[in-house]
Protein backbone atom coordinates (compact mmCIF):
# COMPACT_ATOMS: atom_id res chain seq x y z
CA MET A 1 -0.49 1.63 1.65
CA HIS A 2 -3.74 0.97 -0.17
CA ARG A 3 -7.00 2.15 1.34
CA VAL A 4 -10.10 -0.02 1.08
CA LEU A 5 -13.66 1.14 1.68
CA VAL A 6 -15.94 -1.66 2.90
CA ILE A 7 -19.65 -0.95 2.39
CA GLU A 8 -21.44 -3.77 4.21
CA ASP A 9 -24.35 -3.77 6.68
CA ASP A 10 -23.77 -7.27 8.10
CA ALA A 11 -21.79 -6.47 11.26
CA THR A 12 -20.13 -9.88 11.55
CA LEU A 13 -19.02 -10.02 7.93
CA ALA A 14 -17.91 -6.38 7.96
CA ARG A 15 -15.76 -6.94 11.04
CA GLY A 16 -14.18 -10.03 9.48
CA LEU A 17 -13.40 -8.17 6.27
CA VAL A 18 -11.88 -5.20 8.08
CA ASP A 19 -9.77 -7.41 10.39
CA ASN A 20 -8.40 -9.50 7.52
CA LEU A 21 -7.67 -6.48 5.33
CA GLN A 22 -5.85 -4.73 8.15
CA ALA A 23 -3.85 -7.88 8.85
CA ARG A 24 -2.64 -7.70 5.23
CA GLY A 25 -1.56 -4.09 5.66
CA TYR A 26 -4.51 -2.27 4.11
CA ARG A 27 -5.99 0.85 5.63
CA THR A 28 -9.74 0.40 5.90
CA GLN A 29 -12.89 2.44 6.25
CA LEU A 30 -16.28 0.90 7.02
CA ALA A 31 -19.72 2.16 6.00
CA VAL A 32 -22.82 0.34 7.24
CA ASP A 33 -25.37 1.72 4.78
CA GLY A 34 -25.40 2.80 1.16
CA GLN A 35 -25.77 6.52 1.71
CA ILE A 36 -22.84 6.70 4.12
CA GLY A 37 -20.78 4.55 1.77
CA LEU A 38 -21.47 6.74 -1.26
CA GLU A 39 -20.66 9.91 0.66
CA ALA A 40 -17.40 8.40 1.96
CA ALA A 41 -16.34 7.29 -1.53
CA LEU A 42 -17.06 10.70 -3.04
CA ALA A 43 -15.44 12.69 -0.22
CA ASP A 44 -12.18 10.76 -0.24
CA PRO A 45 -12.01 8.17 -3.05
CA PRO A 46 -10.40 4.92 -1.85
CA ASP A 47 -8.14 2.64 -3.85
CA LEU A 48 -10.67 -0.21 -3.77
CA ILE A 49 -14.30 -0.71 -2.72
CA LEU A 50 -15.87 -3.90 -1.38
CA LEU A 51 -19.54 -3.29 -2.05
CA ASP A 52 -22.51 -5.26 -0.77
CA ILE A 53 -25.51 -5.22 -3.11
CA MET A 54 -28.38 -5.29 -0.63
CA LEU A 55 -27.87 -2.24 1.59
CA PRO A 56 -30.10 0.15 3.54
CA LYS A 57 -30.89 3.57 1.99
CA LEU A 58 -28.95 3.03 -1.27
CA ASN A 59 -28.25 -0.35 -2.81
CA GLY A 60 -24.97 -1.38 -4.35
CA TYR A 61 -26.20 -0.88 -7.92
CA GLU A 62 -27.03 2.77 -7.24
CA ILE A 63 -23.69 3.37 -5.57
CA CYS A 64 -21.74 1.80 -8.41
CA GLN A 65 -23.66 3.77 -11.04
CA ARG A 66 -23.22 7.11 -9.27
CA LEU A 67 -19.49 6.60 -8.75
CA ARG A 68 -18.93 5.79 -12.41
CA GLU A 69 -21.07 8.74 -13.49
CA ARG A 70 -18.73 10.95 -11.45
CA GLY A 71 -15.76 9.54 -13.34
CA LEU A 72 -14.32 7.59 -10.40
CA ASP A 73 -12.54 4.49 -11.66
CA MET A 74 -11.35 2.69 -8.53
CA PRO A 75 -11.86 -1.11 -8.65
CA ILE A 76 -15.18 -2.27 -7.17
CA ILE A 77 -15.78 -5.84 -6.03
CA MET A 78 -19.46 -6.65 -5.50
CA LEU A 79 -20.46 -8.87 -2.59
CA THR A 80 -23.77 -10.56 -3.25
CA ALA A 81 -25.78 -13.18 -1.43
CA LYS A 82 -28.03 -13.75 -4.40
CA GLY A 83 -25.70 -15.43 -6.85
CA GLN A 84 -28.24 -14.92 -9.64
CA GLU A 85 -26.85 -14.37 -13.12
CA GLU A 86 -28.99 -11.31 -13.83
CA ASP A 87 -27.95 -9.61 -10.57
CA ILE A 88 -24.25 -10.16 -11.19
CA VAL A 89 -24.47 -9.07 -14.83
CA ARG A 90 -26.35 -5.93 -13.84
CA GLY A 91 -23.61 -4.96 -11.40
CA LEU A 92 -20.87 -5.60 -13.95
CA GLU A 93 -22.69 -3.56 -16.58
CA LEU A 94 -22.99 -0.66 -14.13
CA GLY A 95 -19.21 -0.62 -13.71
CA ALA A 96 -18.24 -3.17 -11.06
CA ASP A 97 -14.96 -4.96 -11.78
CA ASP A 98 -15.56 -8.29 -10.11
CA TYR A 99 -17.91 -10.13 -7.78
CA LEU A 100 -17.97 -12.71 -5.02
CA THR A 101 -21.05 -14.66 -3.97
CA LYS A 102 -21.60 -15.13 -0.24
CA PRO A 103 -20.38 -17.16 1.49
CA PHE A 104 -16.91 -16.71 0.03
CA GLY A 105 -13.39 -17.52 1.17
CA ILE A 106 -11.39 -14.62 2.56
CA ARG A 107 -8.25 -15.83 0.76
CA GLU A 108 -10.03 -15.61 -2.58
CA LEU A 109 -11.28 -12.11 -1.81
CA LEU A 110 -7.81 -10.93 -0.80
CA ALA A 111 -6.32 -12.44 -3.96
CA ARG A 112 -8.90 -10.73 -6.18
CA ALA A 113 -8.35 -7.41 -4.41
CA ALA A 114 -4.57 -7.64 -4.72
CA ALA A 115 -4.78 -8.48 -8.43
CA LEU A 116 -7.05 -5.52 -9.21
CA LEU A 117 -4.89 -3.10 -7.22
CA ARG A 118 -1.69 -4.40 -8.82
CA ARG A 119 -3.05 -4.01 -12.36
CA ARG A 120 -4.29 -0.51 -11.62
CA GLN A 121 -0.79 0.58 -10.61
CA GLU A 122 0.89 -0.70 -13.75
CA PRO A 123 1.83 2.07 -16.20
CA ALA A 124 -0.04 2.42 -19.48
CA THR A 125 1.57 0.34 -22.18
CA GLU A 126 1.09 -0.71 -25.77
CA LEU A 127 2.83 -4.05 -25.18
CA PHE A 128 1.10 -6.83 -23.25
CA ARG A 129 2.80 -10.11 -22.34
CA PHE A 130 0.97 -13.22 -21.13
CA GLY A 131 2.10 -16.81 -21.23
CA ASP A 132 4.21 -17.23 -24.37
CA CYS A 133 2.35 -14.43 -26.18
CA VAL A 134 3.02 -10.75 -26.79
CA LEU A 135 0.30 -8.41 -28.03
CA ASP A 136 1.61 -5.17 -29.51
CA LEU A 137 -1.26 -2.69 -29.87
CA SER A 138 0.84 -0.11 -31.71
CA SER A 139 1.70 -2.51 -34.54
CA HIS A 140 -1.59 -4.41 -34.30
CA ARG A 141 0.36 -7.66 -33.98
CA LEU A 142 0.23 -10.81 -31.84
CA SER A 143 3.32 -12.99 -31.58
CA ARG A 144 3.78 -16.33 -29.86
CA GLU A 145 7.26 -17.62 -29.12
CA GLY A 146 8.54 -15.02 -31.55
CA MET A 147 6.27 -16.05 -34.42
CA GLU A 148 3.48 -13.78 -35.63
CA VAL A 149 -0.04 -15.16 -35.12
CA PRO A 150 -2.68 -13.88 -37.57
CA LEU A 151 -5.82 -12.44 -36.00
CA THR A 152 -9.11 -11.40 -37.53
CA THR A 153 -10.35 -7.89 -36.73
CA LYS A 154 -12.82 -9.23 -34.17
CA GLU A 155 -10.20 -11.45 -32.54
CA PHE A 156 -7.81 -8.50 -32.21
CA ARG A 157 -10.52 -6.28 -30.72
CA MET A 158 -11.50 -9.04 -28.33
CA LEU A 159 -7.95 -9.64 -27.17
CA GLU A 160 -7.30 -5.91 -26.83
CA TYR A 161 -10.46 -5.58 -24.71
CA PHE A 162 -9.28 -8.42 -22.49
CA VAL A 163 -5.66 -7.35 -21.98
CA LYS A 164 -6.76 -3.85 -20.98
CA ARG A 165 -9.08 -5.31 -18.32
CA PRO A 166 -7.07 -8.05 -16.63
CA ASP A 167 -8.47 -9.99 -13.68
CA ARG A 168 -11.94 -8.48 -14.10
CA ALA A 169 -15.21 -10.33 -14.55
CA LEU A 170 -16.54 -9.29 -17.96
CA ALA A 171 -20.18 -9.84 -18.84
CA ARG A 172 -21.00 -11.08 -22.34
CA ARG A 173 -23.16 -8.00 -23.01
CA ASP A 174 -20.25 -5.67 -22.25
CA ILE A 175 -17.98 -7.71 -24.51
CA MET A 176 -20.54 -7.55 -27.32
CA ASP A 177 -21.01 -3.80 -26.95
CA ASN A 178 -17.28 -3.05 -26.89
CA VAL A 179 -16.05 -5.50 -29.52
CA TRP A 180 -18.95 -5.51 -31.99
CA GLY A 181 -20.55 -2.15 -31.08
CA ARG A 182 -23.99 -1.32 -29.72
CA SER A 183 -25.45 -0.75 -33.17
CA VAL A 184 -24.65 -4.27 -34.37
CA ILE A 185 -27.06 -7.12 -33.71
CA VAL A 186 -25.03 -9.94 -32.22
CA THR A 187 -25.73 -12.81 -29.83
CA SER A 188 -23.75 -14.31 -26.98
CA ARG A 189 -23.05 -17.32 -29.20
CA SER A 190 -21.01 -15.04 -31.47
CA VAL A 191 -18.90 -14.09 -28.45
CA ASP A 192 -18.41 -17.72 -27.49
CA ARG A 193 -17.39 -18.69 -31.04
CA CYS A 194 -14.84 -15.89 -31.20
CA ILE A 195 -13.48 -16.94 -27.81
CA THR A 196 -13.09 -20.52 -29.02
CA THR A 197 -10.98 -19.51 -32.03
CA LEU A 198 -8.99 -17.00 -29.99
CA ARG A 199 -8.16 -19.63 -27.38
CA GLY A 200 -6.82 -21.81 -30.16
CA LYS A 201 -4.30 -19.08 -30.92
CA VAL A 202 -3.18 -18.01 -27.43
CA GLU A 203 -3.68 -20.97 -25.09
CA ILE A 204 -1.26 -23.87 -24.68
CA ASP A 205 -4.26 -26.16 -24.20
CA PRO A 206 -7.44 -24.51 -25.51
CA ARG A 207 -9.56 -27.18 -23.81
CA SER A 208 -8.12 -26.15 -20.44
CA PRO A 209 -7.52 -22.40 -20.85
CA LYS A 210 -5.26 -20.57 -18.41
CA HIS A 211 -5.74 -17.01 -19.66
CA ILE A 212 -9.26 -16.63 -21.08
CA ARG A 213 -11.31 -18.20 -18.31
CA THR A 214 -15.04 -18.84 -18.51
CA ILE A 215 -17.31 -17.52 -15.78
CA ARG A 216 -20.33 -19.77 -15.97
CA ASP A 217 -23.54 -17.97 -16.99
CA ILE A 218 -21.78 -14.59 -16.75
CA GLY A 219 -18.97 -14.18 -19.26
CA TYR A 220 -15.19 -14.34 -19.09
CA ARG A 221 -12.12 -13.25 -17.10
CA PHE A 222 -8.69 -12.62 -18.66
CA GLU A 223 -5.87 -13.75 -16.38
CA PRO A 224 -2.42 -12.74 -17.71
CA ASP A 225 -0.65 -14.73 -15.00
CA GLY A 226 -2.79 -17.83 -15.49
């Protein structure tokens, strides 16, 4: 049974989250301020954290950063009332895996949580299947319906970055740093152009992508089961 730590100071929202998670079979722990939440996560790391950004004592950014600095890799879903691009990107760059802007639907939150937990349990592999594609990291090869699809170096790195981080919101800056490298000067338009060509190779309908989904103003999400 998965254990979820909810760090949220809004009593009504926190109660709703806890009740719905428990109804789905999750064990839950609630922290009503940032300091208590951080201490709880460090003392007994949960399987998943639902993390509000604006919290008393320590905000969500500080919590996320400290957990990642300690090497803890549990999925973190940010809950933010702001909905501003820079706030969401900042959280993702500090190590959050996904975000939801308040008010959000509980069914969407539960689906995002289940997807992140499911992917985390899957064993490490060099072979990734999605749609009618298979990406083999060991042979550096993409095939579609049994036929090899040629990829440029950047396209392969991009696809590898995506398949290793399924169902996560990925900021453009993180994609640039991991695919092109921090020492290379590159713009977000380079990312978007590479995505366009990559979609042409892996999507059934590149104009309506099912796997490489755009998150407006933020970046992209790779959905293997799209």
